[in-house]
Structure formats: C-alpha cells, structure tokens
Amino acid sequence: MGDWISIVLLILIGLVLIYLELLFVPGTTILGLIGLGLCVVGIYLTYDAHGSSTGNWVLVGTALVSLIGLVFSFRAKSWNRFSLKSTNQGKFNEGYYSDLTVEMRGLATSDLKPIGKAEFNNKTYEVRSRGEHISSGSSVKIAHVDGNKIIVETTTTN
C-alpha cells in the first residue's frame, strides 16, 4: 500500500508542477522538467513494482489526465487571464532626434573611436565618425542623420 501512495504522489506532484509551468511561469522549463521527471519516476516505479500490465495502465492514465487537463484549460479560457490585452504604442526616444539637421555644429564630449558622444543644442547624443578618430572637445558637424544613427565629421574653425 505504501508504494502506491508514493507512486500516486510522485505522479500528482509531477502533473501539478507541469501545470504550474504552463500557467504561471511559462518559458522557464525548470518546473516542467522537474514535473516530467517526477511523472517518469512514478511510472517507472509502477513498472518495477507491479509489472508491465499495471505500468501500462498507469502510463495511459497519466497521459490521459495530462491531456484532459490541457484541453480543459484551453476550453475554459483560463489562458486569457494571463494574456496581454493592450499594446504599447509609444516608441523609445520618440522625437529625440527630430531637431537634428545636417550641417548642425556641436562639440565632441568624448573621444570618437569611431563611436562616442557629442553635444548639439545642449543635448548629448551617441554619434559616430566615418572611421577617423576625433578627440574630445573637438568641434564637429553632422554629416548624415538616419533614424538614430548620427554621422559626424570634424569642422575647421575659421
């Protein structure tokens, strides 16, 4: 009798862990793998202690309980409680680069090797040169702006 209790507990705890994985912590796979392992151990112990006929029945029963639980959870729309209903319409740094224009002059606030920082209109931006090294404190101008990619070059002071 004691071996049946341990077998049933192993399989039930395994199934609960698998359902917890599916419903509450999807994507981590740790609970699911532990649950699967417990189910496999429970089924193995059944085969070992009670023979292949009983082992087959426990295997089929475990598979059916798993399948019924999954079908029920999909039909009951329980997944809708966990799904995202709204979408984010904003964009990261939206409008941050809109005031930049070609030929705008600024100051390199770090060395550009070829990527660094430069300041235009009292705002700091990540910029890149066309491959040359530009020292911090150098006067730069914008040669090209493509989205958030700003290409600068040094300017000559007259």
N, C-alpha and C. Protein backbone atom coordinates (compact mmCIF):
# COMPACT_ATOMS: atom_id res chain seq x y z
N MET A 1 0.82 -1.20 0.00
CA MET A 1 0.00 0.00 0.00
C MET A 1 0.86 1.26 0.00
N GLY A 2 1.97 1.21 0.73
CA GLY A 2 2.84 2.38 0.82
C GLY A 2 3.48 2.75 -0.51
N ASP A 3 3.77 1.73 -1.34
CA ASP A 3 4.37 2.03 -2.64
C ASP A 3 3.36 2.71 -3.57
N TRP A 4 2.08 2.37 -3.44
CA TRP A 4 1.05 3.03 -4.26
C TRP A 4 0.92 4.50 -3.89
N ILE A 5 0.99 4.79 -2.60
CA ILE A 5 0.90 6.19 -2.15
C ILE A 5 2.05 7.00 -2.72
N SER A 6 3.26 6.46 -2.65
CA SER A 6 4.41 7.19 -3.18
C SER A 6 4.32 7.35 -4.70
N ILE A 7 3.84 6.34 -5.39
CA ILE A 7 3.70 6.42 -6.85
C ILE A 7 2.67 7.47 -7.23
N VAL A 8 1.50 7.43 -6.57
CA VAL A 8 0.45 8.40 -6.88
C VAL A 8 0.90 9.81 -6.54
N LEU A 9 1.57 9.99 -5.39
CA LEU A 9 2.07 11.32 -5.02
C LEU A 9 3.11 11.84 -6.02
N LEU A 10 4.01 10.97 -6.45
CA LEU A 10 5.01 11.39 -7.44
C LEU A 10 4.33 11.87 -8.73
N ILE A 11 3.38 11.12 -9.20
CA ILE A 11 2.71 11.48 -10.45
C ILE A 11 1.87 12.73 -10.27
N LEU A 12 1.12 12.83 -9.18
CA LEU A 12 0.29 14.03 -8.96
C LEU A 12 1.14 15.29 -8.78
N ILE A 13 2.20 15.20 -8.00
CA ILE A 13 3.08 16.37 -7.84
C ILE A 13 3.72 16.73 -9.18
N GLY A 14 4.10 15.72 -9.94
CA GLY A 14 4.67 15.97 -11.27
C GLY A 14 3.69 16.69 -12.18
N LEU A 15 2.44 16.23 -12.19
CA LEU A 15 1.42 16.89 -13.02
C LEU A 15 1.14 18.31 -12.56
N VAL A 16 1.09 18.51 -11.24
CA VAL A 16 0.87 19.86 -10.72
C VAL A 16 2.01 20.79 -11.14
N LEU A 17 3.23 20.31 -11.06
CA LEU A 17 4.38 21.14 -11.47
C LEU A 17 4.33 21.45 -12.97
N ILE A 18 3.91 20.50 -13.76
CA ILE A 18 3.79 20.76 -15.21
C ILE A 18 2.73 21.82 -15.46
N TYR A 19 1.58 21.72 -14.78
CA TYR A 19 0.53 22.73 -14.96
C TYR A 19 0.97 24.09 -14.45
N LEU A 20 1.71 24.12 -13.33
CA LEU A 20 2.24 25.39 -12.84
C LEU A 20 3.18 26.02 -13.86
N GLU A 21 3.99 25.18 -14.48
CA GLU A 21 4.89 25.67 -15.53
C GLU A 21 4.10 26.29 -16.67
N LEU A 22 3.06 25.62 -17.10
CA LEU A 22 2.28 26.10 -18.24
C LEU A 22 1.49 27.36 -17.91
N LEU A 23 0.95 27.44 -16.71
CA LEU A 23 0.04 28.53 -16.37
C LEU A 23 0.72 29.75 -15.75
N PHE A 24 1.68 29.54 -14.88
CA PHE A 24 2.19 30.66 -14.11
C PHE A 24 3.61 31.10 -14.45
N VAL A 25 4.47 30.22 -14.84
CA VAL A 25 5.85 30.58 -15.15
C VAL A 25 6.27 30.01 -16.50
N PRO A 26 5.56 30.34 -17.58
CA PRO A 26 5.92 29.77 -18.87
C PRO A 26 7.29 30.25 -19.32
N GLY A 27 8.00 29.37 -19.96
CA GLY A 27 9.29 29.72 -20.53
C GLY A 27 10.48 29.37 -19.67
N THR A 28 10.27 29.06 -18.39
CA THR A 28 11.41 28.75 -17.54
C THR A 28 11.83 27.29 -17.67
N THR A 29 10.93 26.42 -17.96
CA THR A 29 11.10 24.98 -18.19
C THR A 29 11.60 24.20 -16.99
N ILE A 30 12.04 24.85 -15.92
CA ILE A 30 12.58 24.12 -14.78
C ILE A 30 11.46 23.34 -14.07
N LEU A 31 10.36 24.02 -13.78
CA LEU A 31 9.25 23.31 -13.12
C LEU A 31 8.71 22.21 -14.00
N GLY A 32 8.60 22.48 -15.30
CA GLY A 32 8.10 21.47 -16.22
C GLY A 32 9.00 20.25 -16.28
N LEU A 33 10.30 20.47 -16.30
CA LEU A 33 11.24 19.34 -16.34
C LEU A 33 11.21 18.55 -15.04
N ILE A 34 11.13 19.25 -13.91
CA ILE A 34 11.04 18.54 -12.63
C ILE A 34 9.74 17.74 -12.58
N GLY A 35 8.63 18.36 -13.02
CA GLY A 35 7.35 17.65 -13.05
C GLY A 35 7.39 16.44 -13.95
N LEU A 36 7.97 16.60 -15.14
CA LEU A 36 8.10 15.48 -16.06
C LEU A 36 8.94 14.37 -15.45
N GLY A 37 10.03 14.76 -14.79
CA GLY A 37 10.89 13.77 -14.13
C GLY A 37 10.16 13.00 -13.05
N LEU A 38 9.37 13.72 -12.25
CA LEU A 38 8.61 13.04 -11.20
C LEU A 38 7.59 12.07 -11.79
N CYS A 39 6.92 12.48 -12.87
CA CYS A 39 5.97 11.57 -13.53
C CYS A 39 6.68 10.34 -14.07
N VAL A 40 7.82 10.53 -14.70
CA VAL A 40 8.57 9.40 -15.26
C VAL A 40 9.02 8.46 -14.15
N VAL A 41 9.49 9.02 -13.03
CA VAL A 41 9.91 8.17 -11.90
C VAL A 41 8.72 7.40 -11.34
N GLY A 42 7.57 8.07 -11.22
CA GLY A 42 6.38 7.38 -10.73
C GLY A 42 5.96 6.25 -11.64
N ILE A 43 5.99 6.49 -12.93
CA ILE A 43 5.61 5.44 -13.90
C ILE A 43 6.64 4.31 -13.88
N TYR A 44 7.93 4.67 -13.79
CA TYR A 44 8.97 3.64 -13.72
C TYR A 44 8.80 2.76 -12.48
N LEU A 45 8.52 3.39 -11.34
CA LEU A 45 8.33 2.62 -10.12
C LEU A 45 7.13 1.68 -10.23
N THR A 46 6.10 2.11 -10.96
CA THR A 46 4.94 1.24 -11.19
C THR A 46 5.34 0.03 -12.00
N TYR A 47 6.07 0.25 -13.09
CA TYR A 47 6.54 -0.88 -13.90
C TYR A 47 7.41 -1.80 -13.06
N ASP A 48 8.29 -1.22 -12.25
CA ASP A 48 9.24 -2.01 -11.48
C ASP A 48 8.55 -2.82 -10.38
N ALA A 49 7.61 -2.21 -9.68
CA ALA A 49 7.00 -2.87 -8.52
C ALA A 49 5.78 -3.72 -8.87
N HIS A 50 5.06 -3.35 -9.95
CA HIS A 50 3.79 -4.03 -10.21
C HIS A 50 3.68 -4.67 -11.59
N GLY A 51 4.73 -4.63 -12.37
CA GLY A 51 4.72 -5.30 -13.66
C GLY A 51 4.30 -4.41 -14.81
N SER A 52 4.43 -4.96 -16.00
CA SER A 52 4.19 -4.16 -17.20
C SER A 52 2.72 -3.88 -17.44
N SER A 53 1.84 -4.76 -17.07
CA SER A 53 0.42 -4.53 -17.29
C SER A 53 -0.05 -3.32 -16.48
N THR A 54 0.25 -3.32 -15.20
CA THR A 54 -0.13 -2.19 -14.34
C THR A 54 0.62 -0.93 -14.75
N GLY A 55 1.87 -1.07 -15.11
CA GLY A 55 2.66 0.07 -15.58
C GLY A 55 2.06 0.71 -16.81
N ASN A 56 1.57 -0.12 -17.74
CA ASN A 56 0.92 0.41 -18.94
C ASN A 56 -0.34 1.20 -18.58
N TRP A 57 -1.14 0.66 -17.63
CA TRP A 57 -2.35 1.36 -17.22
C TRP A 57 -2.02 2.71 -16.56
N VAL A 58 -1.01 2.73 -15.73
CA VAL A 58 -0.62 3.99 -15.08
C VAL A 58 -0.07 4.97 -16.11
N LEU A 59 0.69 4.48 -17.08
CA LEU A 59 1.22 5.35 -18.13
C LEU A 59 0.09 5.97 -18.94
N VAL A 60 -0.87 5.15 -19.36
CA VAL A 60 -2.00 5.65 -20.14
C VAL A 60 -2.84 6.60 -19.29
N GLY A 61 -3.05 6.26 -18.02
CA GLY A 61 -3.83 7.12 -17.14
C GLY A 61 -3.16 8.48 -16.94
N THR A 62 -1.86 8.49 -16.76
CA THR A 62 -1.13 9.74 -16.59
C THR A 62 -1.21 10.59 -17.85
N ALA A 63 -1.07 9.95 -18.99
CA ALA A 63 -1.16 10.68 -20.26
C ALA A 63 -2.56 11.24 -20.45
N LEU A 64 -3.59 10.48 -20.13
CA LEU A 64 -4.97 10.97 -20.26
C LEU A 64 -5.26 12.12 -19.31
N VAL A 65 -4.82 12.02 -18.07
CA VAL A 65 -5.03 13.12 -17.11
C VAL A 65 -4.31 14.38 -17.60
N SER A 66 -3.12 14.23 -18.13
CA SER A 66 -2.38 15.38 -18.68
C SER A 66 -3.14 16.00 -19.84
N LEU A 67 -3.60 15.16 -20.75
CA LEU A 67 -4.32 15.63 -21.93
C LEU A 67 -5.64 16.30 -21.55
N ILE A 68 -6.38 15.69 -20.64
CA ILE A 68 -7.66 16.26 -20.20
C ILE A 68 -7.43 17.60 -19.52
N GLY A 69 -6.40 17.69 -18.71
CA GLY A 69 -6.09 18.96 -18.05
C GLY A 69 -5.74 20.06 -19.04
N LEU A 70 -4.97 19.74 -20.06
CA LEU A 70 -4.63 20.74 -21.08
C LEU A 70 -5.84 21.17 -21.89
N VAL A 71 -6.66 20.19 -22.30
CA VAL A 71 -7.86 20.51 -23.07
C VAL A 71 -8.80 21.37 -22.23
N PHE A 72 -8.99 21.01 -20.98
CA PHE A 72 -9.87 21.78 -20.10
C PHE A 72 -9.34 23.21 -19.91
N SER A 73 -8.06 23.35 -19.74
CA SER A 73 -7.52 24.71 -19.53
C SER A 73 -7.67 25.56 -20.78
N PHE A 74 -7.59 24.98 -21.96
CA PHE A 74 -7.79 25.76 -23.18
C PHE A 74 -9.27 26.09 -23.39
N ARG A 75 -10.14 25.14 -23.12
CA ARG A 75 -11.58 25.39 -23.31
C ARG A 75 -12.15 26.34 -22.28
N ALA A 76 -11.62 26.34 -21.09
CA ALA A 76 -12.12 27.20 -20.03
C ALA A 76 -11.61 28.63 -20.18
N LYS A 77 -10.82 28.89 -21.20
CA LYS A 77 -10.25 30.21 -21.46
C LYS A 77 -9.44 30.72 -20.27
N SER A 78 -8.87 29.79 -19.50
CA SER A 78 -8.07 30.22 -18.35
C SER A 78 -6.80 30.93 -18.78
N TRP A 79 -6.36 30.73 -20.02
CA TRP A 79 -5.16 31.40 -20.51
C TRP A 79 -5.41 32.89 -20.72
N ASN A 80 -6.67 33.29 -20.93
CA ASN A 80 -6.97 34.71 -21.17
C ASN A 80 -6.65 35.57 -19.96
N ARG A 81 -6.70 35.00 -18.76
CA ARG A 81 -6.36 35.78 -17.58
C ARG A 81 -4.90 36.18 -17.58
N PHE A 82 -4.07 35.44 -18.26
CA PHE A 82 -2.64 35.69 -18.24
C PHE A 82 -2.12 36.37 -19.50
N SER A 83 -2.99 36.57 -20.48
CA SER A 83 -2.53 37.14 -21.73
C SER A 83 -2.59 38.66 -21.69
N LEU A 84 -1.72 39.28 -22.44
CA LEU A 84 -1.65 40.73 -22.52
C LEU A 84 -2.76 41.23 -23.43
N LYS A 85 -3.54 42.18 -22.93
CA LYS A 85 -4.68 42.69 -23.69
C LYS A 85 -4.38 44.01 -24.40
N SER A 86 -3.41 44.75 -23.92
CA SER A 86 -3.11 46.04 -24.53
C SER A 86 -1.72 46.01 -25.15
N THR A 87 -1.50 46.96 -26.05
CA THR A 87 -0.20 47.07 -26.68
C THR A 87 0.37 48.45 -26.42
N ASN A 88 1.66 48.53 -26.39
CA ASN A 88 2.35 49.80 -26.19
C ASN A 88 2.51 50.46 -27.54
N GLN A 89 1.96 51.65 -27.69
CA GLN A 89 2.02 52.36 -28.97
C GLN A 89 3.18 53.35 -29.02
N GLY A 90 3.80 53.64 -27.91
CA GLY A 90 4.90 54.60 -27.87
C GLY A 90 6.16 54.01 -28.45
N LYS A 91 7.07 54.88 -28.79
CA LYS A 91 8.36 54.46 -29.31
C LYS A 91 9.46 55.00 -28.42
N PHE A 92 10.53 54.25 -28.29
CA PHE A 92 11.66 54.66 -27.49
C PHE A 92 12.31 55.87 -28.11
N ASN A 93 12.57 56.88 -27.30
CA ASN A 93 13.21 58.12 -27.76
C ASN A 93 12.47 58.78 -28.92
N GLU A 94 11.16 58.69 -28.92
CA GLU A 94 10.38 59.27 -30.00
C GLU A 94 10.59 60.79 -30.02
N GLY A 95 11.00 61.32 -31.13
CA GLY A 95 11.22 62.75 -31.30
C GLY A 95 12.55 63.24 -30.76
N TYR A 96 13.35 62.35 -30.19
CA TYR A 96 14.62 62.76 -29.59
C TYR A 96 15.60 63.28 -30.65
N TYR A 97 15.54 62.73 -31.84
CA TYR A 97 16.48 63.10 -32.89
C TYR A 97 15.86 64.09 -33.90
N SER A 98 14.63 64.51 -33.67
CA SER A 98 13.93 65.31 -34.67
C SER A 98 14.51 66.70 -34.87
N ASP A 99 15.18 67.26 -33.86
CA ASP A 99 15.71 68.61 -34.01
C ASP A 99 17.12 68.64 -34.60
N LEU A 100 17.65 67.50 -34.99
CA LEU A 100 18.98 67.44 -35.59
C LEU A 100 18.89 67.61 -37.10
N THR A 101 19.80 68.40 -37.65
CA THR A 101 19.84 68.60 -39.10
C THR A 101 21.27 68.46 -39.58
N VAL A 102 21.40 68.16 -40.85
CA VAL A 102 22.72 68.08 -41.46
C VAL A 102 23.37 69.46 -41.41
N GLU A 103 24.67 69.49 -41.19
CA GLU A 103 25.50 70.69 -41.06
C GLU A 103 25.37 71.36 -39.69
N MET A 104 24.55 70.81 -38.78
CA MET A 104 24.45 71.36 -37.43
C MET A 104 25.79 71.16 -36.74
N ARG A 105 26.25 72.19 -36.04
CA ARG A 105 27.55 72.12 -35.38
C ARG A 105 27.38 71.83 -33.90
N GLY A 106 28.36 71.07 -33.37
CA GLY A 106 28.33 70.71 -31.95
C GLY A 106 29.73 70.45 -31.45
N LEU A 107 29.82 69.82 -30.29
CA LEU A 107 31.09 69.59 -29.63
C LEU A 107 31.19 68.12 -29.22
N ALA A 108 32.30 67.49 -29.54
CA ALA A 108 32.53 66.10 -29.13
C ALA A 108 32.79 66.10 -27.62
N THR A 109 31.98 65.40 -26.86
CA THR A 109 32.15 65.35 -25.41
C THR A 109 32.94 64.13 -24.95
N SER A 110 33.25 63.25 -25.88
CA SER A 110 34.14 62.12 -25.61
C SER A 110 34.93 61.84 -26.88
N ASP A 111 35.96 61.03 -26.76
CA ASP A 111 36.71 60.63 -27.95
C ASP A 111 35.81 59.78 -28.83
N LEU A 112 35.84 60.04 -30.14
CA LEU A 112 35.11 59.22 -31.10
C LEU A 112 36.10 58.27 -31.73
N LYS A 113 35.95 56.96 -31.43
CA LYS A 113 36.93 55.96 -31.88
C LYS A 113 36.26 54.82 -32.60
N PRO A 114 35.48 54.86 -33.54
CA PRO A 114 34.81 55.99 -34.16
C PRO A 114 33.48 56.35 -33.50
N ILE A 115 33.08 55.62 -32.43
CA ILE A 115 31.80 55.93 -31.78
C ILE A 115 32.09 56.65 -30.47
N GLY A 116 31.27 57.65 -30.18
CA GLY A 116 31.43 58.40 -28.94
C GLY A 116 30.21 59.27 -28.72
N LYS A 117 30.39 60.34 -27.95
CA LYS A 117 29.28 61.24 -27.61
C LYS A 117 29.61 62.64 -28.09
N ALA A 118 28.55 63.34 -28.53
CA ALA A 118 28.68 64.73 -28.94
C ALA A 118 27.45 65.48 -28.46
N GLU A 119 27.62 66.78 -28.29
CA GLU A 119 26.53 67.62 -27.80
C GLU A 119 26.09 68.59 -28.89
N PHE A 120 24.78 68.62 -29.13
CA PHE A 120 24.16 69.55 -30.07
C PHE A 120 22.97 70.18 -29.36
N ASN A 121 22.88 71.50 -29.36
CA ASN A 121 21.77 72.23 -28.71
C ASN A 121 21.58 71.77 -27.25
N ASN A 122 22.67 71.62 -26.51
CA ASN A 122 22.65 71.25 -25.10
C ASN A 122 22.06 69.86 -24.83
N LYS A 123 22.04 68.99 -25.83
CA LYS A 123 21.61 67.60 -25.66
C LYS A 123 22.75 66.70 -26.14
N THR A 124 23.00 65.65 -25.38
CA THR A 124 24.08 64.72 -25.72
C THR A 124 23.53 63.55 -26.52
N TYR A 125 24.24 63.21 -27.59
CA TYR A 125 23.83 62.12 -28.48
C TYR A 125 25.01 61.16 -28.67
N GLU A 126 24.68 59.90 -28.94
CA GLU A 126 25.72 58.97 -29.37
C GLU A 126 25.91 59.16 -30.86
N VAL A 127 27.15 59.40 -31.25
CA VAL A 127 27.46 59.68 -32.65
C VAL A 127 28.61 58.79 -33.10
N ARG A 128 28.82 58.77 -34.39
CA ARG A 128 29.96 58.03 -34.92
C ARG A 128 30.61 58.84 -36.03
N SER A 129 31.92 58.68 -36.13
CA SER A 129 32.64 59.33 -37.22
C SER A 129 32.67 58.38 -38.40
N ARG A 130 33.27 58.81 -39.46
CA ARG A 130 33.37 57.95 -40.65
C ARG A 130 34.61 57.08 -40.60
N GLY A 131 35.06 56.77 -39.40
CA GLY A 131 36.20 55.88 -39.23
C GLY A 131 37.39 56.56 -38.61
N GLU A 132 37.45 57.88 -38.67
CA GLU A 132 38.61 58.57 -38.11
C GLU A 132 38.41 58.82 -36.61
N HIS A 133 39.52 59.01 -35.93
CA HIS A 133 39.50 59.32 -34.50
C HIS A 133 39.28 60.82 -34.34
N ILE A 134 38.30 61.19 -33.52
CA ILE A 134 38.05 62.60 -33.22
C ILE A 134 38.19 62.76 -31.71
N SER A 135 39.04 63.69 -31.31
CA SER A 135 39.32 63.88 -29.89
C SER A 135 38.18 64.61 -29.19
N SER A 136 38.08 64.33 -27.89
CA SER A 136 37.10 65.02 -27.06
C SER A 136 37.39 66.52 -27.06
N GLY A 137 36.34 67.32 -27.14
CA GLY A 137 36.49 68.78 -27.18
C GLY A 137 36.58 69.34 -28.58
N SER A 138 36.65 68.47 -29.60
CA SER A 138 36.74 68.93 -30.98
C SER A 138 35.38 69.43 -31.46
N SER A 139 35.42 70.38 -32.36
CA SER A 139 34.20 70.87 -32.98
C SER A 139 33.79 69.90 -34.09
N VAL A 140 32.52 69.51 -34.09
CA VAL A 140 32.04 68.56 -35.09
C VAL A 140 30.78 69.11 -35.73
N LYS A 141 30.47 68.57 -36.91
CA LYS A 141 29.20 68.89 -37.56
C LYS A 141 28.57 67.60 -38.05
N ILE A 142 27.26 67.63 -38.15
CA ILE A 142 26.52 66.45 -38.57
C ILE A 142 26.62 66.32 -40.08
N ALA A 143 27.08 65.16 -40.54
CA ALA A 143 27.19 64.89 -41.97
C ALA A 143 25.97 64.13 -42.49
N HIS A 144 25.38 63.29 -41.60
CA HIS A 144 24.26 62.47 -42.05
C HIS A 144 23.47 62.02 -40.82
N VAL A 145 22.14 62.02 -40.91
CA VAL A 145 21.27 61.51 -39.86
C VAL A 145 20.33 60.49 -40.49
N ASP A 146 20.34 59.28 -39.94
CA ASP A 146 19.46 58.23 -40.42
C ASP A 146 18.82 57.57 -39.20
N GLY A 147 17.60 58.00 -38.84
CA GLY A 147 16.95 57.49 -37.65
C GLY A 147 17.70 57.93 -36.41
N ASN A 148 18.27 56.96 -35.68
CA ASN A 148 19.06 57.32 -34.51
C ASN A 148 20.56 57.18 -34.76
N LYS A 149 20.96 57.02 -36.00
CA LYS A 149 22.36 56.92 -36.37
C LYS A 149 22.83 58.29 -36.87
N ILE A 150 23.77 58.88 -36.14
CA ILE A 150 24.26 60.22 -36.46
C ILE A 150 25.71 60.11 -36.86
N ILE A 151 26.02 60.52 -38.08
CA ILE A 151 27.40 60.51 -38.58
C ILE A 151 27.91 61.94 -38.52
N VAL A 152 29.09 62.12 -37.89
CA VAL A 152 29.67 63.45 -37.76
C VAL A 152 31.05 63.48 -38.38
N GLU A 153 31.54 64.69 -38.63
CA GLU A 153 32.90 64.90 -39.08
C GLU A 153 33.42 66.15 -38.40
N THR A 154 34.72 66.29 -38.37
CA THR A 154 35.31 67.46 -37.72
C THR A 154 35.09 68.70 -38.58
N THR A 155 35.03 69.82 -37.90
CA THR A 155 34.90 71.08 -38.62
C THR A 155 36.16 71.88 -38.44
N THR A 156 36.43 72.70 -39.39
CA THR A 156 37.58 73.58 -39.30
C THR A 156 37.11 74.93 -38.83
N THR A 157 37.77 75.48 -37.86
CA THR A 157 37.37 76.81 -37.34
C THR A 157 38.09 77.86 -38.13
N ASN A 158 37.37 78.87 -38.63
CA ASN A 158 37.95 79.94 -39.45
C ASN A 158 38.25 81.13 -38.60
